[in-house]
Amino acid sequence: MTETDFMNRSKFTKIIEQKVKELNLSYIEAVVETCEMTSIDPQDVKKFISPLIKEKIEVEARKLNYLPKQNELIFE
């Protein structure tokens, strides 16, 4: 059995958060590295990504211009 046989959303989230904190990786890098470590195809990782991690990846992707910018409300 491989490590992915026991992988779930909670465990995957903990691994990602740990890598971001300890190795100072971005969330995108942490997901890719975790996929390599656990032999999960990056295209199949969607079921393991929690809404919180998804949101953080989306923010990083927007900063890197991988996603289109959204309109922002400016409060003065």
PDB file of N, CA and C in Angstrom:
ATOM      1  N   MET A   1       0.828  -1.184   0.000  1.00  0.00           N
ATOM      2  CA  MET A   1       0.000   0.000   0.000  1.00  0.00           C
ATOM      3  C   MET A   1       0.873   1.248   0.000  1.00  0.00           C
ATOM      4  N   THR A   2       0.407   2.250  -0.702  1.00  0.00           N
ATOM      5  CA  THR A   2       1.151   3.498  -0.738  1.00  0.00           C
ATOM      6  C   THR A   2       0.564   4.473   0.265  1.00  0.00           C
ATOM      7  N   GLU A   3       1.260   5.568   0.454  1.00  0.00           N
ATOM      8  CA  GLU A   3       0.802   6.581   1.392  1.00  0.00           C
ATOM      9  C   GLU A   3      -0.517   7.201   0.934  1.00  0.00           C
ATOM     10  N   THR A   4      -0.771   7.209  -0.363  1.00  0.00           N
ATOM     11  CA  THR A   4      -2.013   7.796  -0.872  1.00  0.00           C
ATOM     12  C   THR A   4      -3.228   6.958  -0.516  1.00  0.00           C
ATOM     13  N   ASP A   5      -3.040   5.677  -0.186  1.00  0.00           N
ATOM     14  CA  ASP A   5      -4.167   4.846   0.222  1.00  0.00           C
ATOM     15  C   ASP A   5      -4.784   5.356   1.520  1.00  0.00           C
ATOM     16  N   PHE A   6      -4.014   6.061   2.315  1.00  0.00           N
ATOM     17  CA  PHE A   6      -4.478   6.575   3.589  1.00  0.00           C
ATOM     18  C   PHE A   6      -4.642   8.091   3.573  1.00  0.00           C
ATOM     19  N   MET A   7      -4.441   8.720   2.429  1.00  0.00           N
ATOM     20  CA  MET A   7      -4.512  10.172   2.335  1.00  0.00           C
ATOM     21  C   MET A   7      -5.968  10.620   2.372  1.00  0.00           C
ATOM     22  N   ASN A   8      -6.197  11.696   3.121  1.00  0.00           N
ATOM     23  CA  ASN A   8      -7.503  12.331   3.129  1.00  0.00           C
ATOM     24  C   ASN A   8      -7.288  13.840   3.143  1.00  0.00           C
ATOM     25  N   ARG A   9      -8.365  14.577   3.062  1.00  0.00           N
ATOM     26  CA  ARG A   9      -8.269  16.037   2.967  1.00  0.00           C
ATOM     27  C   ARG A   9      -7.574  16.630   4.195  1.00  0.00           C
ATOM     28  N   SER A  10      -7.903  16.146   5.367  1.00  0.00           N
ATOM     29  CA  SER A  10      -7.320  16.673   6.597  1.00  0.00           C
ATOM     30  C   SER A  10      -5.808  16.434   6.654  1.00  0.00           C
ATOM     31  N   LYS A  11      -5.397  15.227   6.343  1.00  0.00           N
ATOM     32  CA  LYS A  11      -3.966  14.882   6.366  1.00  0.00           C
ATOM     33  C   LYS A  11      -3.200  15.688   5.323  1.00  0.00           C
ATOM     34  N   PHE A  12      -3.778  15.808   4.127  1.00  0.00           N
ATOM     35  CA  PHE A  12      -3.122  16.558   3.053  1.00  0.00           C
ATOM     36  C   PHE A  12      -2.963  18.027   3.460  1.00  0.00           C
ATOM     37  N   THR A  13      -4.003  18.599   4.067  1.00  0.00           N
ATOM     38  CA  THR A  13      -3.946  19.993   4.511  1.00  0.00           C
ATOM     39  C   THR A  13      -2.853  20.192   5.550  1.00  0.00           C
ATOM     40  N   LYS A  14      -2.737  19.276   6.491  1.00  0.00           N
ATOM     41  CA  LYS A  14      -1.703  19.374   7.522  1.00  0.00           C
ATOM     42  C   LYS A  14      -0.305  19.316   6.908  1.00  0.00           C
ATOM     43  N   ILE A  15      -0.118  18.438   5.935  1.00  0.00           N
ATOM     44  CA  ILE A  15       1.183  18.327   5.269  1.00  0.00           C
ATOM     45  C   ILE A  15       1.518  19.631   4.546  1.00  0.00           C
ATOM     46  N   ILE A  16       0.541  20.199   3.835  1.00  0.00           N
ATOM     47  CA  ILE A  16       0.762  21.443   3.097  1.00  0.00           C
ATOM     48  C   ILE A  16       1.119  22.574   4.051  1.00  0.00           C
ATOM     49  N   GLU A  17       0.325  22.745   5.096  1.00  0.00           N
ATOM     50  CA  GLU A  17       0.577  23.820   6.070  1.00  0.00           C
ATOM     51  C   GLU A  17       1.949  23.666   6.718  1.00  0.00           C
ATOM     52  N   GLN A  18       2.339  22.441   7.011  1.00  0.00           N
ATOM     53  CA  GLN A  18       3.639  22.183   7.623  1.00  0.00           C
ATOM     54  C   GLN A  18       4.769  22.577   6.671  1.00  0.00           C
ATOM     55  N   LYS A  19       4.659  22.212   5.407  1.00  0.00           N
ATOM     56  CA  LYS A  19       5.694  22.552   4.433  1.00  0.00           C
ATOM     57  C   LYS A  19       5.793  24.061   4.233  1.00  0.00           C
ATOM     58  N   VAL A  20       4.659  24.734   4.190  1.00  0.00           N
ATOM     59  CA  VAL A  20       4.663  26.191   4.014  1.00  0.00           C
ATOM     60  C   VAL A  20       5.370  26.850   5.192  1.00  0.00           C
ATOM     61  N   LYS A  21       5.059  26.389   6.392  1.00  0.00           N
ATOM     62  CA  LYS A  21       5.612  26.994   7.597  1.00  0.00           C
ATOM     63  C   LYS A  21       7.092  26.648   7.794  1.00  0.00           C
ATOM     64  N   GLU A  22       7.431  25.376   7.691  1.00  0.00           N
ATOM     65  CA  GLU A  22       8.788  24.929   8.011  1.00  0.00           C
ATOM     66  C   GLU A  22       9.795  25.176   6.887  1.00  0.00           C
ATOM     67  N   LEU A  23       9.361  25.002   5.646  1.00  0.00           N
ATOM     68  CA  LEU A  23      10.286  25.127   4.512  1.00  0.00           C
ATOM     69  C   LEU A  23      10.158  26.457   3.786  1.00  0.00           C
ATOM     70  N   ASN A  24       9.248  27.309   4.272  1.00  0.00           N
ATOM     71  CA  ASN A  24       9.026  28.624   3.684  1.00  0.00           C
ATOM     72  C   ASN A  24       8.688  28.532   2.192  1.00  0.00           C
ATOM     73  N   LEU A  25       7.830  27.568   1.856  1.00  0.00           N
ATOM     74  CA  LEU A  25       7.389  27.387   0.477  1.00  0.00           C
ATOM     75  C   LEU A  25       6.084  28.126   0.256  1.00  0.00           C
ATOM     76  N   SER A  26       5.783  28.430  -0.993  1.00  0.00           N
ATOM     77  CA  SER A  26       4.457  28.953  -1.312  1.00  0.00           C
ATOM     78  C   SER A  26       3.490  27.770  -1.255  1.00  0.00           C
ATOM     79  N   TYR A  27       2.207  28.071  -1.227  1.00  0.00           N
ATOM     80  CA  TYR A  27       1.211  26.991  -1.199  1.00  0.00           C
ATOM     81  C   TYR A  27       1.262  26.177  -2.492  1.00  0.00           C
ATOM     82  N   ILE A  28       1.493  26.846  -3.597  1.00  0.00           N
ATOM     83  CA  ILE A  28       1.585  26.137  -4.877  1.00  0.00           C
ATOM     84  C   ILE A  28       2.766  25.176  -4.859  1.00  0.00           C
ATOM     85  N   GLU A  29       3.918  25.648  -4.399  1.00  0.00           N
ATOM     86  CA  GLU A  29       5.107  24.794  -4.320  1.00  0.00           C
ATOM     87  C   GLU A  29       4.892  23.634  -3.346  1.00  0.00           C
ATOM     88  N   ALA A  30       4.250  23.918  -2.233  1.00  0.00           N
ATOM     89  CA  ALA A  30       4.007  22.875  -1.231  1.00  0.00           C
ATOM     90  C   ALA A  30       3.097  21.781  -1.781  1.00  0.00           C
ATOM     91  N   VAL A  31       2.082  22.154  -2.553  1.00  0.00           N
ATOM     92  CA  VAL A  31       1.193  21.152  -3.143  1.00  0.00           C
ATOM     93  C   VAL A  31       1.948  20.297  -4.147  1.00  0.00           C
ATOM     94  N   VAL A  32       2.744  20.939  -4.991  1.00  0.00           N
ATOM     95  CA  VAL A  32       3.509  20.182  -5.992  1.00  0.00           C
ATOM     96  C   VAL A  32       4.491  19.235  -5.311  1.00  0.00           C
ATOM     97  N   GLU A  33       5.198  19.716  -4.306  1.00  0.00           N
ATOM     98  CA  GLU A  33       6.166  18.864  -3.599  1.00  0.00           C
ATOM     99  C   GLU A  33       5.475  17.702  -2.887  1.00  0.00           C
ATOM    100  N   THR A  34       4.326  17.967  -2.297  1.00  0.00           N
ATOM    101  CA  THR A  34       3.576  16.912  -1.613  1.00  0.00           C
ATOM    102  C   THR A  34       3.073  15.876  -2.609  1.00  0.00           C
ATOM    103  N   CYS A  35       2.656  16.325  -3.782  1.00  0.00           N
ATOM    104  CA  CYS A  35       2.228  15.392  -4.831  1.00  0.00           C
ATOM    105  C   CYS A  35       3.383  14.469  -5.232  1.00  0.00           C
ATOM    106  N   GLU A  36       4.570  15.045  -5.374  1.00  0.00           N
ATOM    107  CA  GLU A  36       5.739  14.236  -5.724  1.00  0.00           C
ATOM    108  C   GLU A  36       6.066  13.256  -4.604  1.00  0.00           C
ATOM    109  N   MET A  37       5.999  13.723  -3.366  1.00  0.00           N
ATOM    110  CA  MET A  37       6.342  12.895  -2.203  1.00  0.00           C
ATOM    111  C   MET A  37       5.377  11.719  -2.041  1.00  0.00           C
ATOM    112  N   THR A  38       4.097  11.943  -2.332  1.00  0.00           N
ATOM    113  CA  THR A  38       3.080  10.919  -2.107  1.00  0.00           C
ATOM    114  C   THR A  38       2.663  10.194  -3.382  1.00  0.00           C
ATOM    115  N   SER A  39       3.293  10.520  -4.492  1.00  0.00           N
ATOM    116  CA  SER A  39       2.982   9.914  -5.795  1.00  0.00           C
ATOM    117  C   SER A  39       1.532  10.151  -6.223  1.00  0.00           C
ATOM    118  N   ILE A  40       1.009  11.305  -5.874  1.00  0.00           N
ATOM    119  CA  ILE A  40      -0.326  11.700  -6.319  1.00  0.00           C
ATOM    120  C   ILE A  40      -0.157  12.526  -7.585  1.00  0.00           C
ATOM    121  N   ASP A  41      -0.928  12.215  -8.607  1.00  0.00           N
ATOM    122  CA  ASP A  41      -0.907  13.002  -9.834  1.00  0.00           C
ATOM    123  C   ASP A  41      -1.478  14.387  -9.513  1.00  0.00           C
ATOM    124  N   PRO A  42      -0.779  15.469  -9.848  1.00  0.00           N
ATOM    125  CA  PRO A  42      -1.290  16.809  -9.549  1.00  0.00           C
ATOM    126  C   PRO A  42      -2.698  17.071 -10.102  1.00  0.00           C
ATOM    127  N   GLN A  43      -3.079  16.379 -11.156  1.00  0.00           N
ATOM    128  CA  GLN A  43      -4.426  16.560 -11.698  1.00  0.00           C
ATOM    129  C   GLN A  43      -5.478  15.882 -10.812  1.00  0.00           C
ATOM    130  N   ASP A  44      -5.058  14.960  -9.962  1.00  0.00           N
ATOM    131  CA  ASP A  44      -5.985  14.244  -9.080  1.00  0.00           C
ATOM    132  C   ASP A  44      -6.030  14.821  -7.664  1.00  0.00           C
ATOM    133  N   VAL A  45      -5.293  15.880  -7.425  1.00  0.00           N
ATOM    134  CA  VAL A  45      -5.158  16.406  -6.069  1.00  0.00           C
ATOM    135  C   VAL A  45      -6.376  17.227  -5.629  1.00  0.00           C
ATOM    136  N   LYS A  46      -7.254  17.549  -6.554  1.00  0.00           N
ATOM    137  CA  LYS A  46      -8.414  18.395  -6.240  1.00  0.00           C
ATOM    138  C   LYS A  46      -9.224  17.867  -5.058  1.00  0.00           C
ATOM    139  N   LYS A  47      -9.395  16.583  -4.967  1.00  0.00           N
ATOM    140  CA  LYS A  47     -10.216  16.018  -3.886  1.00  0.00           C
ATOM    141  C   LYS A  47      -9.551  16.138  -2.513  1.00  0.00           C
ATOM    142  N   PHE A  48      -8.257  16.422  -2.475  1.00  0.00           N
ATOM    143  CA  PHE A  48      -7.541  16.544  -1.208  1.00  0.00           C
ATOM    144  C   PHE A  48      -7.370  17.989  -0.742  1.00  0.00           C
ATOM    145  N   ILE A  49      -7.627  18.943  -1.602  1.00  0.00           N
ATOM    146  CA  ILE A  49      -7.384  20.342  -1.262  1.00  0.00           C
ATOM    147  C   ILE A  49      -8.599  20.923  -0.540  1.00  0.00           C
ATOM    148  N   SER A  50      -8.362  21.415   0.658  1.00  0.00           N
ATOM    149  CA  SER A  50      -9.439  22.015   1.452  1.00  0.00           C
ATOM    150  C   SER A  50      -9.784  23.395   0.890  1.00  0.00           C
ATOM    151  N   PRO A  51     -10.976  23.900   1.203  1.00  0.00           N
ATOM    152  CA  PRO A  51     -11.351  25.239   0.727  1.00  0.00           C
ATOM    153  C   PRO A  51     -10.367  26.328   1.176  1.00  0.00           C
ATOM    154  N   LEU A  52      -9.816  26.203   2.370  1.00  0.00           N
ATOM    155  CA  LEU A  52      -8.852  27.180   2.867  1.00  0.00           C
ATOM    156  C   LEU A  52      -7.581  27.180   2.014  1.00  0.00           C
ATOM    157  N   ILE A  53      -7.046  26.005   1.728  1.00  0.00           N
ATOM    158  CA  ILE A  53      -5.842  25.902   0.897  1.00  0.00           C
ATOM    159  C   ILE A  53      -6.145  26.389  -0.525  1.00  0.00           C
ATOM    160  N   LYS A  54      -7.302  26.037  -1.025  1.00  0.00           N
ATOM    161  CA  LYS A  54      -7.699  26.477  -2.369  1.00  0.00           C
ATOM    162  C   LYS A  54      -7.716  28.000  -2.457  1.00  0.00           C
ATOM    163  N   GLU A  55      -8.248  28.640  -1.437  1.00  0.00           N
ATOM    164  CA  GLU A  55      -8.303  30.100  -1.412  1.00  0.00           C
ATOM    165  C   GLU A  55      -6.901  30.711  -1.382  1.00  0.00           C
ATOM    166  N   LYS A  56      -6.015  30.128  -0.583  1.00  0.00           N
ATOM    167  CA  LYS A  56      -4.645  30.635  -0.490  1.00  0.00           C
ATOM    168  C   LYS A  56      -3.895  30.448  -1.802  1.00  0.00           C
ATOM    169  N   ILE A  57      -4.130  29.334  -2.483  1.00  0.00           N
ATOM    170  CA  ILE A  57      -3.511  29.100  -3.794  1.00  0.00           C
ATOM    171  C   ILE A  57      -4.039  30.112  -4.803  1.00  0.00           C
ATOM    172  N   GLU A  58      -5.323  30.394  -4.739  1.00  0.00           N
ATOM    173  CA  GLU A  58      -5.924  31.356  -5.658  1.00  0.00           C
ATOM    174  C   GLU A  58      -5.317  32.748  -5.464  1.00  0.00           C
ATOM    175  N   VAL A  59      -5.101  33.149  -4.218  1.00  0.00           N
ATOM    176  CA  VAL A  59      -4.482  34.449  -3.932  1.00  0.00           C
ATOM    177  C   VAL A  59      -3.068  34.493  -4.507  1.00  0.00           C
ATOM    178  N   GLU A  60      -2.292  33.435  -4.286  1.00  0.00           N
ATOM    179  CA  GLU A  60      -0.932  33.373  -4.842  1.00  0.00           C
ATOM    180  C   GLU A  60      -0.959  33.444  -6.366  1.00  0.00           C
ATOM    181  N   ALA A  61      -1.871  32.708  -6.970  1.00  0.00           N
ATOM    182  CA  ALA A  61      -1.961  32.674  -8.435  1.00  0.00           C
ATOM    183  C   ALA A  61      -2.323  34.050  -8.992  1.00  0.00           C
ATOM    184  N   ARG A  62      -3.191  34.776  -8.314  1.00  0.00           N
ATOM    185  CA  ARG A  62      -3.542  36.133  -8.772  1.00  0.00           C
ATOM    186  C   ARG A  62      -2.344  37.066  -8.665  1.00  0.00           C
ATOM    187  N   LYS A  63      -1.578  36.944  -7.582  1.00  0.00           N
ATOM    188  CA  LYS A  63      -0.384  37.786  -7.406  1.00  0.00           C
ATOM    189  C   LYS A  63       0.649  37.503  -8.494  1.00  0.00           C
ATOM    190  N   LEU A  64       0.705  36.257  -8.949  1.00  0.00           N
ATOM    191  CA  LEU A  64       1.660  35.861  -9.991  1.00  0.00           C
ATOM    192  C   LEU A  64       1.087  36.035 -11.400  1.00  0.00           C
ATOM    193  N   ASN A  65      -0.110  36.612 -11.486  1.00  0.00           N
ATOM    194  CA  ASN A  65      -0.808  36.834 -12.759  1.00  0.00           C
ATOM    195  C   ASN A  65      -1.102  35.542 -13.512  1.00  0.00           C
ATOM    196  N   TYR A  66      -1.299  34.456 -12.784  1.00  0.00           N
ATOM    197  CA  TYR A  66      -1.727  33.198 -13.401  1.00  0.00           C
ATOM    198  C   TYR A  66      -3.237  33.200 -13.625  1.00  0.00           C
ATOM    199  N   LEU A  67      -3.937  34.028 -12.841  1.00  0.00           N
ATOM    200  CA  LEU A  67      -5.388  34.177 -12.962  1.00  0.00           C
ATOM    201  C   LEU A  67      -5.690  35.643 -13.229  1.00  0.00           C
ATOM    202  N   PRO A  68      -6.784  35.918 -13.907  1.00  0.00           N
ATOM    203  CA  PRO A  68      -7.119  37.332 -14.159  1.00  0.00           C
ATOM    204  C   PRO A  68      -7.424  38.071 -12.862  1.00  0.00           C
ATOM    205  N   LYS A  69      -7.081  39.335 -12.847  1.00  0.00           N
ATOM    206  CA  LYS A  69      -7.364  40.166 -11.676  1.00  0.00           C
ATOM    207  C   LYS A  69      -8.864  40.344 -11.539  1.00  0.00           C
ATOM    208  N   GLN A  70      -9.309  40.439 -10.305  1.00  0.00           N
ATOM    209  CA  GLN A  70     -10.714  40.693 -10.026  1.00  0.00           C
ATOM    210  C   GLN A  70     -10.869  42.148  -9.623  1.00  0.00           C
ATOM    211  N   ASN A  71     -12.050  42.657  -9.821  1.00  0.00           N
ATOM    212  CA  ASN A  71     -12.326  44.011  -9.351  1.00  0.00           C
ATOM    213  C   ASN A  71     -12.257  44.040  -7.832  1.00  0.00           C
ATOM    214  N   GLU A  72     -11.662  45.092  -7.317  1.00  0.00           N
ATOM    215  CA  GLU A  72     -11.536  45.221  -5.873  1.00  0.00           C
ATOM    216  C   GLU A  72     -12.332  46.421  -5.402  1.00  0.00           C
ATOM    217  N   LEU A  73     -12.981  46.264  -4.274  1.00  0.00           N
ATOM    218  CA  LEU A  73     -13.676  47.387  -3.671  1.00  0.00           C
ATOM    219  C   LEU A  73     -12.696  48.152  -2.807  1.00  0.00           C
ATOM    220  N   ILE A  74     -12.715  49.464  -2.953  1.00  0.00           N
ATOM    221  CA  ILE A  74     -11.833  50.300  -2.158  1.00  0.00           C
ATOM    222  C   ILE A  74     -12.690  51.038  -1.151  1.00  0.00           C
ATOM    223  N   PHE A  75     -12.403  50.828   0.115  1.00  0.00           N
ATOM    224  CA  PHE A  75     -13.136  51.494   1.182  1.00  0.00           C
ATOM    225  C   PHE A  75     -12.267  52.622   1.718  1.00  0.00           C
ATOM    226  N   GLU A  76     -12.840  53.796   1.758  1.00  0.00           N
ATOM    227  CA  GLU A  76     -12.077  54.945   2.269  1.00  0.00           C
ATOM    228  C   GLU A  76     -12.666  55.460   3.547  1.00  0.00           C
TER     229      GLU A  76
END
